[in-house]
N, C-alpha and C. Protein backbone atom coordinates (compact mmCIF):
# COMPACT_ATOMS: atom_id res chain seq x y z
N MET A 1 -52.45 -26.73 32.07
CA MET A 1 -54.24 -27.72 31.93
C MET A 1 -54.27 -26.50 30.85
N TYR A 2 -54.17 -24.94 30.37
CA TYR A 2 -54.00 -24.25 29.31
C TYR A 2 -53.68 -24.94 27.90
N LEU A 3 -52.67 -25.19 27.67
CA LEU A 3 -52.14 -25.88 26.76
C LEU A 3 -52.98 -26.88 26.59
N LEU A 4 -53.61 -27.92 27.07
CA LEU A 4 -54.17 -29.30 27.12
C LEU A 4 -55.72 -28.61 26.58
N LEU A 5 -56.55 -27.29 27.06
CA LEU A 5 -57.60 -26.51 26.52
C LEU A 5 -56.87 -26.37 24.95
N LEU A 6 -56.34 -25.32 24.88
CA LEU A 6 -56.03 -24.59 23.86
C LEU A 6 -55.78 -25.35 22.23
N ILE A 7 -55.12 -26.84 22.92
CA ILE A 7 -54.33 -27.67 21.36
C ILE A 7 -55.11 -29.10 21.44
N ALA A 8 -54.73 -29.32 20.34
CA ALA A 8 -55.51 -30.34 20.68
C ALA A 8 -54.65 -31.66 19.95
N ARG A 9 -53.38 -31.24 19.59
CA ARG A 9 -52.29 -32.18 19.26
C ARG A 9 -50.72 -32.24 19.97
N SER A 10 -50.88 -33.15 20.61
CA SER A 10 -49.56 -33.24 21.59
C SER A 10 -48.35 -33.12 20.83
N LYS A 11 -48.32 -33.23 19.19
CA LYS A 11 -47.52 -33.01 18.53
C LYS A 11 -46.69 -31.09 18.97
N LEU A 12 -47.98 -30.49 18.91
CA LEU A 12 -47.63 -29.04 18.65
C LEU A 12 -47.50 -28.18 20.29
N VAL A 13 -47.57 -29.26 21.18
CA VAL A 13 -47.51 -28.69 22.71
C VAL A 13 -45.94 -28.20 22.75
N PRO A 14 -45.01 -28.55 22.66
CA PRO A 14 -43.67 -28.48 22.37
C PRO A 14 -43.54 -26.43 22.14
N ASP A 15 -43.53 -26.76 21.25
CA ASP A 15 -43.62 -25.65 20.56
C ASP A 15 -44.71 -24.51 20.50
N PHE A 16 -45.43 -24.46 21.23
CA PHE A 16 -46.80 -23.84 22.13
C PHE A 16 -45.66 -23.56 23.57
N ALA A 17 -45.53 -24.56 24.46
CA ALA A 17 -44.70 -23.99 25.18
C ALA A 17 -43.30 -23.19 25.22
N CYS A 18 -42.51 -23.44 24.36
CA CYS A 18 -41.16 -22.22 23.47
C CYS A 18 -41.72 -20.99 23.30
N THR A 19 -43.12 -21.37 22.77
CA THR A 19 -43.53 -19.78 22.20
C THR A 19 -44.13 -19.02 23.89
N ILE A 20 -44.84 -19.54 24.69
CA ILE A 20 -45.13 -18.84 25.88
C ILE A 20 -43.61 -18.61 26.49
N ALA A 21 -42.71 -19.53 26.87
CA ALA A 21 -41.49 -18.91 28.25
C ALA A 21 -40.61 -17.73 26.95
N PHE A 22 -40.72 -17.82 25.18
CA PHE A 22 -40.48 -16.57 24.46
C PHE A 22 -41.21 -15.16 24.70
N LEU A 23 -42.47 -15.43 24.76
CA LEU A 23 -43.06 -13.96 25.03
C LEU A 23 -43.03 -13.49 26.32
N HIS A 24 -42.82 -14.40 27.48
CA HIS A 24 -42.51 -14.13 28.93
C HIS A 24 -41.15 -13.56 29.04
N LEU A 25 -40.10 -14.21 28.39
CA LEU A 25 -38.66 -13.50 27.67
C LEU A 25 -38.52 -11.87 28.04
N VAL A 26 -40.03 -11.88 26.53
CA VAL A 26 -40.01 -10.30 25.74
C VAL A 26 -40.61 -9.40 26.84
N ALA A 27 -41.55 -10.42 27.66
CA ALA A 27 -42.55 -8.99 28.26
C ALA A 27 -41.60 -8.42 29.96
N THR A 28 -40.59 -9.75 29.91
CA THR A 28 -39.83 -9.18 31.44
C THR A 28 -39.24 -8.55 30.59
N SER A 29 -38.23 -8.70 29.35
CA SER A 29 -37.04 -7.71 29.31
C SER A 29 -37.90 -6.50 28.54
N LEU A 30 -39.06 -6.26 28.13
CA LEU A 30 -39.68 -4.76 28.10
C LEU A 30 -39.46 -4.12 29.21
N TYR A 31 -40.21 -4.81 30.84
CA TYR A 31 -40.76 -4.66 31.61
C TYR A 31 -39.34 -3.63 32.61
N GLU A 32 -38.04 -4.55 32.40
CA GLU A 32 -37.11 -4.41 33.21
C GLU A 32 -36.24 -3.68 32.03
N ARG A 33 -36.37 -3.41 31.22
CA ARG A 33 -35.83 -2.60 29.68
C ARG A 33 -34.16 -3.26 30.06
N ALA A 34 -33.83 -4.52 29.87
CA ALA A 34 -32.85 -5.40 29.91
C ALA A 34 -33.17 -6.36 30.39
N LEU A 35 -32.21 -7.48 29.70
CA LEU A 35 -32.45 -9.00 29.57
C LEU A 35 -32.16 -8.97 30.54
N PRO A 36 -32.96 -10.71 31.16
CA PRO A 36 -32.43 -10.90 32.23
C PRO A 36 -30.99 -11.76 33.18
N ALA A 37 -30.10 -11.00 33.88
CA ALA A 37 -28.81 -11.43 33.48
C ALA A 37 -28.70 -12.51 34.85
N SER A 38 -29.76 -13.02 35.66
CA SER A 38 -29.72 -13.91 36.73
C SER A 38 -29.77 -15.17 36.16
N LEU A 39 -28.53 -16.05 36.80
CA LEU A 39 -28.35 -17.48 36.24
C LEU A 39 -29.89 -18.52 36.38
N ALA A 40 -29.95 -18.00 37.93
CA ALA A 40 -31.37 -18.69 38.52
C ALA A 40 -32.43 -18.46 37.69
N TRP A 41 -32.94 -17.23 37.28
CA TRP A 41 -34.03 -16.41 36.35
C TRP A 41 -33.83 -17.47 35.48
N TRP A 42 -32.89 -17.57 34.50
CA TRP A 42 -32.65 -18.46 33.14
C TRP A 42 -33.61 -20.27 33.92
N ALA A 43 -32.60 -20.54 34.94
CA ALA A 43 -32.39 -22.10 35.37
C ALA A 43 -34.24 -22.69 35.23
N LEU A 44 -35.01 -21.30 35.82
CA LEU A 44 -36.20 -21.78 36.22
C LEU A 44 -37.23 -20.99 35.23
N GLN A 45 -36.93 -20.66 33.93
CA GLN A 45 -37.31 -20.36 32.82
C GLN A 45 -37.25 -22.01 31.74
N ALA A 46 -35.97 -22.09 31.90
CA ALA A 46 -35.93 -23.60 31.27
C ALA A 46 -36.58 -25.05 32.06
N ALA A 47 -36.51 -25.02 32.90
CA ALA A 47 -37.10 -25.84 34.18
C ALA A 47 -38.36 -25.97 34.11
N SER A 48 -39.65 -24.62 34.17
CA SER A 48 -40.29 -24.62 33.68
C SER A 48 -41.23 -24.65 32.53
N THR A 49 -40.06 -24.29 31.60
CA THR A 49 -40.74 -24.63 30.08
C THR A 49 -40.48 -25.81 29.70
N ALA A 50 -39.64 -26.50 29.87
CA ALA A 50 -39.21 -28.47 29.98
C ALA A 50 -40.68 -29.01 30.67
N LEU A 51 -41.26 -28.76 31.66
CA LEU A 51 -41.99 -29.29 32.64
C LEU A 51 -43.36 -29.10 32.24
N MET A 52 -43.80 -27.63 31.38
CA MET A 52 -45.14 -27.26 30.62
C MET A 52 -44.88 -28.58 29.80
N ALA A 53 -43.84 -28.51 28.97
CA ALA A 53 -43.83 -28.99 27.62
C ALA A 53 -44.22 -30.70 27.68
N GLY A 54 -43.11 -31.19 28.89
CA GLY A 54 -43.44 -32.70 29.34
C GLY A 54 -44.84 -33.30 29.57
N LEU A 55 -45.08 -32.45 30.59
CA LEU A 55 -46.75 -32.57 31.34
C LEU A 55 -47.80 -32.21 30.32
N GLY A 56 -48.04 -31.28 29.45
CA GLY A 56 -48.55 -31.01 27.94
C GLY A 56 -48.67 -31.86 27.29
N VAL A 57 -47.28 -32.38 26.61
CA VAL A 57 -47.73 -34.13 26.02
C VAL A 57 -47.91 -34.71 26.23
N TRP A 58 -47.80 -34.91 28.07
CA TRP A 58 -48.58 -36.41 28.64
C TRP A 58 -49.61 -35.88 28.72
N ALA A 59 -50.74 -35.46 28.56
CA ALA A 59 -52.32 -34.71 29.23
C ALA A 59 -52.66 -35.05 27.58
N CYS A 60 -51.88 -34.21 26.84
CA CYS A 60 -52.63 -34.34 25.59
C CYS A 60 -52.59 -35.81 25.15
N ARG A 61 -51.54 -36.94 25.28
CA ARG A 61 -51.74 -37.80 24.72
C ARG A 61 -52.87 -39.19 25.46
N TYR A 62 -52.75 -39.03 26.72
CA TYR A 62 -53.46 -38.97 27.27
C TYR A 62 -55.16 -38.97 26.91
N ARG A 63 -55.45 -37.73 26.37
CA ARG A 63 -56.65 -37.37 26.10
C ARG A 63 -56.98 -37.81 24.55
N GLU A 64 -55.79 -38.16 23.87
CA GLU A 64 -55.56 -38.72 22.49
C GLU A 64 -56.22 -39.82 22.52
N LEU A 65 -55.46 -40.81 23.06
CA LEU A 65 -55.83 -42.59 23.41
C LEU A 65 -56.59 -42.85 24.49
N ARG A 66 -57.30 -42.11 24.62
CA ARG A 66 -58.58 -42.97 25.46
C ARG A 66 -59.75 -43.67 24.33
N PRO A 67 -60.51 -44.46 25.01
CA PRO A 67 -61.40 -45.15 23.98
C PRO A 67 -62.36 -44.21 23.84
N ILE A 68 -62.59 -43.91 22.08
CA ILE A 68 -63.92 -43.56 21.67
C ILE A 68 -65.07 -44.17 21.40
N ALA A 69 -66.49 -43.73 21.77
CA ALA A 69 -67.25 -43.88 21.74
C ALA A 69 -68.09 -43.42 20.62
N PHE A 70 -68.61 -44.58 19.46
CA PHE A 70 -69.08 -44.33 18.36
C PHE A 70 -70.65 -44.46 18.50
N GLY A 71 -71.60 -43.47 19.10
CA GLY A 71 -72.45 -43.34 19.36
C GLY A 71 -73.41 -44.28 20.31
N GLY A 72 -72.68 -45.33 20.97
CA GLY A 72 -73.36 -46.16 21.55
C GLY A 72 -73.88 -45.33 23.42
N ALA A 73 -74.23 -45.25 24.01
CA ALA A 73 -74.70 -44.95 25.20
C ALA A 73 -73.46 -45.34 26.01
N ALA A 74 -74.03 -44.68 27.03
CA ALA A 74 -72.80 -44.25 28.16
C ALA A 74 -72.39 -45.28 28.76
N PRO A 75 -71.23 -45.66 29.30
CA PRO A 75 -71.06 -47.25 30.47
C PRO A 75 -72.02 -47.50 31.45
N ALA A 76 -72.36 -46.29 31.64
CA ALA A 76 -73.07 -46.94 32.98
C ALA A 76 -74.41 -47.76 32.56
N ALA A 77 -74.53 -47.34 31.82
CA ALA A 77 -76.36 -47.58 30.88
C ALA A 77 -76.18 -48.79 30.32
N GLN A 78 -74.60 -48.73 29.45
CA GLN A 78 -74.63 -50.48 29.01
C GLN A 78 -74.45 -51.27 30.25
N GLY A 79 -74.09 -51.22 31.36
CA GLY A 79 -73.87 -52.00 32.62
C GLY A 79 -75.34 -52.09 32.93
N ALA A 80 -75.56 -51.49 32.62
CA ALA A 80 -77.42 -52.15 33.14
C ALA A 80 -78.00 -52.27 32.61
N ARG A 81 -77.80 -52.01 31.16
CA ARG A 81 -78.62 -52.99 30.29
C ARG A 81 -78.09 -54.62 30.21
N GLN A 82 -76.88 -54.67 30.04
CA GLN A 82 -76.50 -55.87 30.32
C GLN A 82 -76.55 -56.53 31.30
N ALA A 83 -77.22 -56.02 32.53
CA ALA A 83 -77.53 -56.97 33.84
C ALA A 83 -79.17 -57.42 33.82
N GLY A 84 -80.01 -56.32 32.50
CA GLY A 84 -81.37 -56.84 32.35
C GLY A 84 -82.47 -55.87 33.10
N ILE A 85 -81.96 -54.79 33.27
CA ILE A 85 -82.00 -53.17 33.37
C ILE A 85 -82.85 -52.72 32.39
N GLY A 86 -83.95 -52.53 32.28
CA GLY A 86 -84.60 -51.21 31.11
C GLY A 86 -84.75 -51.71 30.47
N GLU A 87 -84.42 -51.28 29.39
CA GLU A 87 -85.21 -51.74 27.93
C GLU A 87 -84.40 -52.57 27.03
N PRO A 88 -84.94 -54.08 26.19
CA PRO A 88 -84.24 -54.82 25.65
C PRO A 88 -82.99 -54.37 24.45
N ALA A 89 -82.04 -54.67 24.56
CA ALA A 89 -80.75 -54.58 23.82
C ALA A 89 -81.05 -53.49 22.28
N ALA A 90 -81.74 -55.00 21.57
CA ALA A 90 -82.59 -54.67 20.31
C ALA A 90 -82.71 -53.43 19.78
N ALA A 91 -83.46 -52.77 21.01
CA ALA A 91 -84.38 -51.65 21.25
C ALA A 91 -83.61 -50.27 21.17
N ALA A 92 -82.72 -50.69 21.67
CA ALA A 92 -81.46 -49.88 22.43
C ALA A 92 -80.69 -49.48 21.04
N ASP A 93 -80.53 -50.74 20.66
CA ASP A 93 -79.60 -50.33 19.54
C ASP A 93 -80.16 -49.63 18.66
N GLU A 94 -81.68 -50.00 18.00
CA GLU A 94 -82.14 -49.23 17.22
C GLU A 94 -82.03 -48.05 17.13
N GLU A 95 -82.34 -47.61 18.50
CA GLU A 95 -82.82 -46.24 18.69
C GLU A 95 -81.17 -45.34 18.37
N GLN A 96 -80.10 -46.31 18.31
CA GLN A 96 -78.85 -45.47 18.51
C GLN A 96 -78.48 -45.42 16.77
N GLY A 97 -79.21 -46.36 16.22
CA GLY A 97 -78.81 -46.33 14.93
C GLY A 97 -77.98 -47.38 14.24
N PHE A 98 -78.21 -48.44 15.22
CA PHE A 98 -77.14 -49.64 15.15
C PHE A 98 -78.22 -51.09 14.86
N GLY A 99 -78.55 -51.42 13.58
CA GLY A 99 -79.74 -52.05 13.10
C GLY A 99 -78.90 -53.52 13.17
N ARG A 100 -79.85 -54.35 12.99
CA ARG A 100 -79.30 -55.68 12.97
C ARG A 100 -79.91 -56.49 11.81
N GLY A 101 -79.71 -56.18 10.66
CA GLY A 101 -79.78 -56.64 9.36
C GLY A 101 -81.34 -56.55 8.49
N ARG A 102 -82.11 -56.49 9.83
CA ARG A 102 -83.61 -56.32 9.72
C ARG A 102 -83.87 -55.36 8.70
N GLY A 103 -84.86 -54.73 7.88
CA GLY A 103 -85.12 -53.59 6.76
C GLY A 103 -83.84 -52.80 6.22
N ARG A 104 -82.41 -54.41 5.75
CA ARG A 104 -81.59 -53.22 4.66
C ARG A 104 -82.26 -52.15 3.83
N GLY A 105 -80.99 -51.12 3.75
CA GLY A 105 -81.51 -50.64 2.80
C GLY A 105 -81.99 -48.81 3.20
N ARG A 106 -82.53 -49.05 4.33
CA ARG A 106 -83.70 -48.58 5.01
C ARG A 106 -82.72 -47.30 5.97
N GLY A 107 -82.57 -45.89 5.49
CA GLY A 107 -81.99 -44.79 6.22
C GLY A 107 -82.53 -45.00 7.64
N ARG A 108 -82.09 -43.98 8.55
CA ARG A 108 -83.06 -43.77 9.57
C ARG A 108 -84.39 -42.55 9.91
N ASP A 109 -83.97 -41.85 8.34
CA ASP A 109 -85.14 -40.90 8.23
C ASP A 109 -86.12 -41.65 7.16
N GLY A 110 -86.46 -43.12 7.30
CA GLY A 110 -87.32 -43.54 6.11
C GLY A 110 -86.79 -43.93 4.82
N ALA A 111 -86.06 -43.90 4.42
CA ALA A 111 -85.64 -43.46 3.13
C ALA A 111 -86.38 -45.08 2.42
N GLY A 112 -86.53 -45.21 1.25
CA GLY A 112 -86.52 -46.47 0.41
C GLY A 112 -85.28 -47.39 0.73
N GLU A 113 -85.85 -48.67 0.24
CA GLU A 113 -84.98 -49.82 -0.63
C GLU A 113 -84.23 -50.22 -0.87
N TYR A 114 -83.09 -49.84 -1.25
CA TYR A 114 -82.04 -50.11 -2.23
C TYR A 114 -83.13 -51.34 -3.46
N GLU A 115 -82.41 -51.58 -4.64
CA GLU A 115 -82.80 -52.48 -5.74
C GLU A 115 -81.60 -53.29 -5.49
N MET A 116 -81.62 -54.73 -5.98
CA MET A 116 -81.12 -55.59 -5.76
C MET A 116 -80.55 -55.97 -7.16
N VAL A 117 -79.81 -55.60 -7.68
CA VAL A 117 -79.52 -56.33 -9.05
C VAL A 117 -78.76 -57.55 -9.31
N GLY A 118 -79.35 -58.66 -10.30
CA GLY A 118 -78.96 -60.12 -10.37
C GLY A 118 -77.37 -59.75 -10.92
N MET A 119 -76.82 -60.72 -10.89
CA MET A 119 -75.80 -60.82 -11.35
C MET A 119 -75.92 -62.06 -12.58
N GLY A 120 -75.50 -62.28 -13.68
CA GLY A 120 -76.32 -63.02 -14.83
C GLY A 120 -75.04 -63.72 -14.77
N GLY A 121 -75.15 -65.30 -15.38
CA GLY A 121 -74.22 -66.10 -15.22
C GLY A 121 -73.17 -66.24 -16.46
N GLY A 122 -74.16 -65.59 -17.38
CA GLY A 122 -73.55 -65.33 -18.90
C GLY A 122 -72.77 -63.87 -18.53
N ASN A 123 -72.15 -63.91 -20.37
CA ASN A 123 -71.98 -62.30 -20.68
C ASN A 123 -72.44 -61.70 -21.33
N GLU A 124 -73.35 -60.61 -20.36
CA GLU A 124 -74.25 -60.09 -21.32
C GLU A 124 -74.07 -58.97 -22.11
N ASN A 125 -73.25 -58.60 -22.36
CA ASN A 125 -72.47 -57.22 -23.05
C ASN A 125 -71.76 -57.82 -24.72
N GLY A 126 -71.85 -58.82 -25.11
CA GLY A 126 -71.54 -59.07 -26.15
C GLY A 126 -71.57 -60.40 -26.67
């Protein structure tokens, strides 16, 4: 879980999992003043690192591949709006910044309209 919170990319998870295992080895060696000699310890560390990397990659990919909401309302509010409960969809779209073509050129801050330049039929430069 800590890997998921600290790391944003699934690509980086195996590197961080191995780094954590290496730091654990260093801390254990410094505490015992010797490298661990037990085969069970090394097997447990290998399994722990593999499990941490595998589950970390899966969790980060799950989070990365979730649909992204681009400024829309929450799904529950959208369902209520589709059912006809609450405000009209056009008003809700305007609040969220999704215009439907009226007032083109106006930003949300009330900026002026864009000027359309006509395209001449002939060659005006020469």
